[in-house]
Amino acid sequence: MAITEVFPLEIHMAFIKGVLSVIRELGGFSSISEMAKETNEDIDDLLPALRACEMLGLIKVEDGVATLTDETASLSSKEARLQMRERLVLLEPFKTINAELSRYGRITTSKLLDMLIRAGLYQNAYDPENVDKFRKNLLAWCLKTELCDYDQRTDTWIKPANPVKKTNR
């Protein structure tokens, strides 16, 4: 059985935008150690953000150097957000969330977490603090990229009015 790589929900979009900004300022590429100095981040804290950027197709990391992809180098901020949206639906846990919302239209946080745990896509979610972190992190990604809507009153995730459509990029 293949191990599915899961997108790190805890990495905030602002951190990803900051990483991209630093790489742009440094000419489109940077060693990871230079980027750590520029951002005042520990390398251990920077690595998950770099991996998230790679998973989104925004950068390539090779031999300790992060480089903007050709496509990313020419994208505006709005275009980069749209690219993130298109790529996120291909990555877990968003792929599963999108499939469930397409199937049912809506799903509560508790059912969503149960499903993701059973699929091995989320761990330690039964701790109330982790449930809150999951909800907060998923909200940040889903709402900023318009992957789904959220009804706070019923703690329910809802299929968006304008679902993600594949483009010919």
Protein backbone atom coordinates (compact mmCIF):
# COMPACT_ATOMS: atom_id res chain seq x y z
CA MET A 1 0.00 0.00 0.00
CA ALA A 2 1.40 3.37 -1.02
CA ILE A 3 1.76 6.08 1.60
CA THR A 4 -0.27 9.15 0.75
CA GLU A 5 1.44 12.45 1.39
CA VAL A 6 -0.89 14.82 3.23
CA PHE A 7 -0.78 18.58 2.78
CA PRO A 8 0.30 20.27 6.04
CA LEU A 9 -2.85 22.18 7.06
CA GLU A 10 -0.98 23.92 9.87
CA ILE A 11 1.10 25.91 7.37
CA HIS A 12 -0.67 29.22 6.93
CA MET A 13 -1.16 30.75 3.52
CA ALA A 14 0.51 33.95 4.74
CA PHE A 15 3.65 31.95 5.52
CA ILE A 16 3.61 30.48 2.01
CA LYS A 17 3.15 33.95 0.50
CA GLY A 18 6.05 35.19 2.63
CA VAL A 19 8.30 32.36 1.44
CA LEU A 20 7.41 33.11 -2.19
CA SER A 21 8.05 36.81 -1.63
CA VAL A 22 11.50 36.15 -0.16
CA ILE A 23 12.42 33.85 -3.05
CA ARG A 24 11.24 36.51 -5.54
CA GLU A 25 13.28 39.21 -3.75
CA LEU A 26 16.35 36.97 -3.93
CA GLY A 27 16.07 36.63 -7.70
CA GLY A 28 13.77 33.62 -7.98
CA PHE A 29 15.92 31.16 -6.08
CA SER A 30 17.52 30.84 -2.67
CA SER A 31 19.38 28.36 -0.56
CA ILE A 32 17.29 27.17 2.35
CA SER A 33 19.85 28.49 4.83
CA GLU A 34 19.82 31.95 3.19
CA MET A 35 16.02 31.93 3.27
CA ALA A 36 16.06 31.01 6.98
CA LYS A 37 18.28 34.04 7.65
CA GLU A 38 16.08 36.34 5.56
CA THR A 39 12.88 35.21 7.29
CA ASN A 40 14.34 34.83 10.79
CA GLU A 41 12.92 31.29 10.86
CA ASP A 42 14.57 28.09 12.01
CA ILE A 43 15.23 25.74 9.12
CA ASP A 44 13.10 23.12 10.89
CA ASP A 45 10.15 25.54 10.80
CA LEU A 46 10.82 26.54 7.20
CA LEU A 47 11.00 23.01 5.75
CA PRO A 48 7.25 22.19 6.09
CA ALA A 49 6.37 25.50 4.40
CA LEU A 50 8.79 24.74 1.57
CA ARG A 51 7.25 21.28 1.21
CA ALA A 52 3.77 22.82 1.09
CA CYS A 53 4.96 25.21 -1.64
CA GLU A 54 6.39 22.27 -3.56
CA MET A 55 3.17 20.28 -3.21
CA LEU A 56 1.29 23.27 -4.63
CA GLY A 57 3.66 23.41 -7.60
CA LEU A 58 4.90 26.87 -6.63
CA ILE A 59 8.58 25.98 -6.14
CA LYS A 60 11.10 23.21 -6.70
CA VAL A 61 13.62 22.31 -4.01
CA GLU A 62 16.77 20.57 -5.12
CA ASP A 63 20.11 20.23 -3.37
CA GLY A 64 19.10 22.71 -0.66
CA VAL A 65 18.00 25.42 -3.12
CA ALA A 66 14.40 26.57 -3.53
CA THR A 67 13.51 27.92 -6.97
CA LEU A 68 10.24 29.42 -8.18
CA THR A 69 8.67 27.37 -10.94
CA ASP A 70 8.50 29.16 -14.30
CA GLU A 71 4.74 29.40 -13.94
CA THR A 72 4.87 30.83 -10.42
CA ALA A 73 7.44 33.45 -11.35
CA SER A 74 4.94 35.08 -13.71
CA LEU A 75 1.78 34.77 -11.57
CA SER A 76 0.07 37.67 -9.84
CA SER A 77 -1.03 37.17 -6.24
CA LYS A 78 -4.62 36.45 -7.37
CA GLU A 79 -3.42 33.97 -10.00
CA ALA A 80 -1.23 32.23 -7.42
CA ARG A 81 -4.27 31.86 -5.13
CA LEU A 82 -6.26 30.33 -8.01
CA GLN A 83 -3.39 27.95 -8.76
CA MET A 84 -3.34 26.93 -5.09
CA ARG A 85 -7.07 26.24 -5.25
CA GLU A 86 -6.69 24.06 -8.34
CA ARG A 87 -3.79 22.12 -6.86
CA LEU A 88 -5.26 21.70 -3.37
CA VAL A 89 -8.18 19.61 -4.67
CA LEU A 90 -5.61 17.12 -5.95
CA LEU A 91 -3.93 16.82 -2.54
CA GLU A 92 -5.08 15.06 0.60
CA PRO A 93 -7.00 15.84 2.74
CA PHE A 94 -8.63 18.30 0.32
CA LYS A 95 -9.13 15.61 -2.34
CA THR A 96 -11.22 13.53 0.08
CA ILE A 97 -13.05 16.57 1.45
CA ASN A 98 -13.91 17.73 -2.07
CA ALA A 99 -15.13 14.23 -3.02
CA GLU A 100 -17.34 14.02 0.06
CA LEU A 101 -18.81 17.46 -0.51
CA SER A 102 -19.45 16.61 -4.16
CA ARG A 103 -21.23 13.42 -3.05
CA TYR A 104 -23.26 14.79 -0.13
CA GLY A 105 -23.22 18.58 -0.46
CA ARG A 106 -22.40 19.10 3.22
CA ILE A 107 -20.67 17.33 6.09
CA THR A 108 -20.18 18.12 9.77
CA THR A 109 -16.70 18.57 11.22
CA SER A 110 -17.09 15.46 13.39
CA LYS A 111 -18.06 13.25 10.43
CA LEU A 112 -15.32 14.77 8.32
CA LEU A 113 -12.71 14.10 11.00
CA ASP A 114 -13.92 10.53 11.52
CA MET A 115 -13.64 9.90 7.79
CA LEU A 116 -10.15 11.45 7.54
CA ILE A 117 -8.92 9.49 10.58
CA ARG A 118 -10.24 6.20 9.16
CA ALA A 119 -8.49 6.98 5.87
CA GLY A 120 -5.23 7.68 7.73
CA LEU A 121 -5.23 11.32 6.62
CA TYR A 122 -5.43 12.93 10.05
CA GLN A 123 -4.19 11.90 13.50
CA ASN A 124 -4.99 12.80 17.11
CA ALA A 125 -8.17 14.57 16.12
CA TYR A 126 -10.25 13.31 19.03
CA ASP A 127 -8.47 15.64 21.42
CA PRO A 128 -10.80 18.71 21.58
CA GLU A 129 -7.83 21.05 21.18
CA ASN A 130 -6.82 19.25 17.97
CA VAL A 131 -10.40 19.38 16.65
CA ASP A 132 -10.35 23.15 17.12
CA LYS A 133 -6.94 23.43 15.43
CA PHE A 134 -8.16 21.27 12.54
CA ARG A 135 -11.29 23.40 12.12
CA LYS A 136 -9.29 26.66 12.28
CA ASN A 137 -6.63 25.48 9.81
CA LEU A 138 -9.17 24.00 7.41
CA LEU A 139 -11.22 27.19 7.59
CA ALA A 140 -8.21 29.28 6.67
CA TRP A 141 -7.41 27.19 3.60
CA CYS A 142 -10.95 26.48 2.44
CA LEU A 143 -12.29 29.99 2.80
CA LYS A 144 -9.26 31.78 1.32
CA THR A 145 -9.20 29.47 -1.68
CA GLU A 146 -13.01 29.11 -1.85
CA LEU A 147 -12.77 25.30 -1.78
CA CYS A 148 -15.81 25.07 0.46
CA ASP A 149 -18.07 27.12 2.67
CA TYR A 150 -18.60 26.72 6.40
CA ASP A 151 -21.70 27.16 8.56
CA GLN A 152 -20.48 27.97 12.06
CA ARG A 153 -23.94 27.58 13.55
CA THR A 154 -24.13 23.88 12.58
CA ASP A 155 -20.36 23.21 12.35
CA THR A 156 -20.92 22.04 8.78
CA TRP A 157 -18.74 22.22 5.67
CA ILE A 158 -20.70 22.98 2.50
CA LYS A 159 -20.00 22.44 -1.18
CA PRO A 160 -19.15 25.85 -2.67
CA ALA A 161 -21.49 27.59 -5.09
CA ASN A 162 -18.62 27.71 -7.62
CA PRO A 163 -16.72 24.43 -7.34
CA VAL A 164 -13.15 24.18 -8.61
CA LYS A 165 -12.96 23.51 -12.32
CA LYS A 166 -9.91 22.00 -13.95
CA THR A 167 -8.12 24.31 -16.35
CA ASN A 168 -5.79 23.53 -19.22
CA ARG A 169 -2.60 24.81 -17.62
